[in-house]
Amino acid sequence: MNRLRLYFELFTITTNRFVLHDAWAIASHIALSVLTSFFPFLILVTALASVFGTGSLADGVADLILEAWPQEIAGPIAGEVHNILTGRRSDVLTLGVVLTLYFASSGVESLRVGLNRAYNVRETRAWWLTRLESIAFVIGGAFVLMAMALLVVLGPFIWRGILHWVPALQPLDGLIGFLRIGVATLVIVAGLMCAHKLIPSGRRSFLSVMPGVGITLLLWMLGGFGFSWYLEFYPGAYASTYGGLATAMVALIFLYTLGAIFLFGGELNGTIIAAKRKRLGIEPPPQSINDVITLP
């Protein structure tokens, strides 16, 4: 009973922090930033893949990202992504590399704003340093996703080779279909862990961010099912309101929901960390340089 009361109080405090930190407004910022960063990021991936002679991996990266999205949302976007990624885009690595990286890194910057508030810290680094860090995250993420996509592409071929030499494994052939879902889940979990630990100011252990990551994954799964159910039973709801912009608005509202859930996970971590510091009698770290300067 005491534990149930503790969980209820934790949920109440987290919800209050979520509202006080203007998380709804920041979630809309995250949704728009992610949507506008999505295509520049994929164009960058295409350019990098073309340089290494594996241009087809760009489609694999796009499929990997959209794998966890509801089909009603991912389907129309996948068609537009394929049209954009068709052809060699090595020109991006010359004239347009700066703009592509800048716009793609805006999604990371929007996450930084929300997470800094969730963990009750203030960014003290120069803006250009945090932007360079965001660009590094984008480039690193592009290479990681290309490696994951290569694994997904080569997986069936490797499995067929194994079956050729070990036919007794044939009953396990159906498990290979879960490879894509498994890789997509791995990408999501790793991305969430890195986001909570590396993007906001300050330092946190991987163990301290696990509660927020867990609740984010759970609510994302429930939200995805709920959103799919709504679009399936009310397919014309958005079309009657937004007309030709229905596809874009559905994606934007879906990302807005994901952004709000993501920030709620950060607020949960921030609440737990603050409670542990209070219990141990540890003062919170200074939020700005003014907090550590004693004026005469």
Foldseek 3Di string as FASTA:
>chain_A
DVVVVVVVVLLVQLVVLCVVLVLLVLLLVLLVLQVQLVLLLLLVLQLVCVVVPRNVLSLLLLCLQCVLFQCVQSVVVSVVSCVSSPDRNVVCVPPVVVVSLQSNLSSLVSLQSLLCSLLVAADADDPVVLSVVSSVVSVVLSVVSSVLSVCLVCVVVVVVVVCVVVVVCVVVVVVNVCSSVVSSVVSLLVVLLCSNAPRYPDGDDSVLLVQLSVQLVVVLVVLNVVLNVCCVVCVCPQCVPPPPCSSVVSSSVNSSVSSSSSSSSSNSSSSVVVVVCVVVVHDDDDRYPVVVDDDD
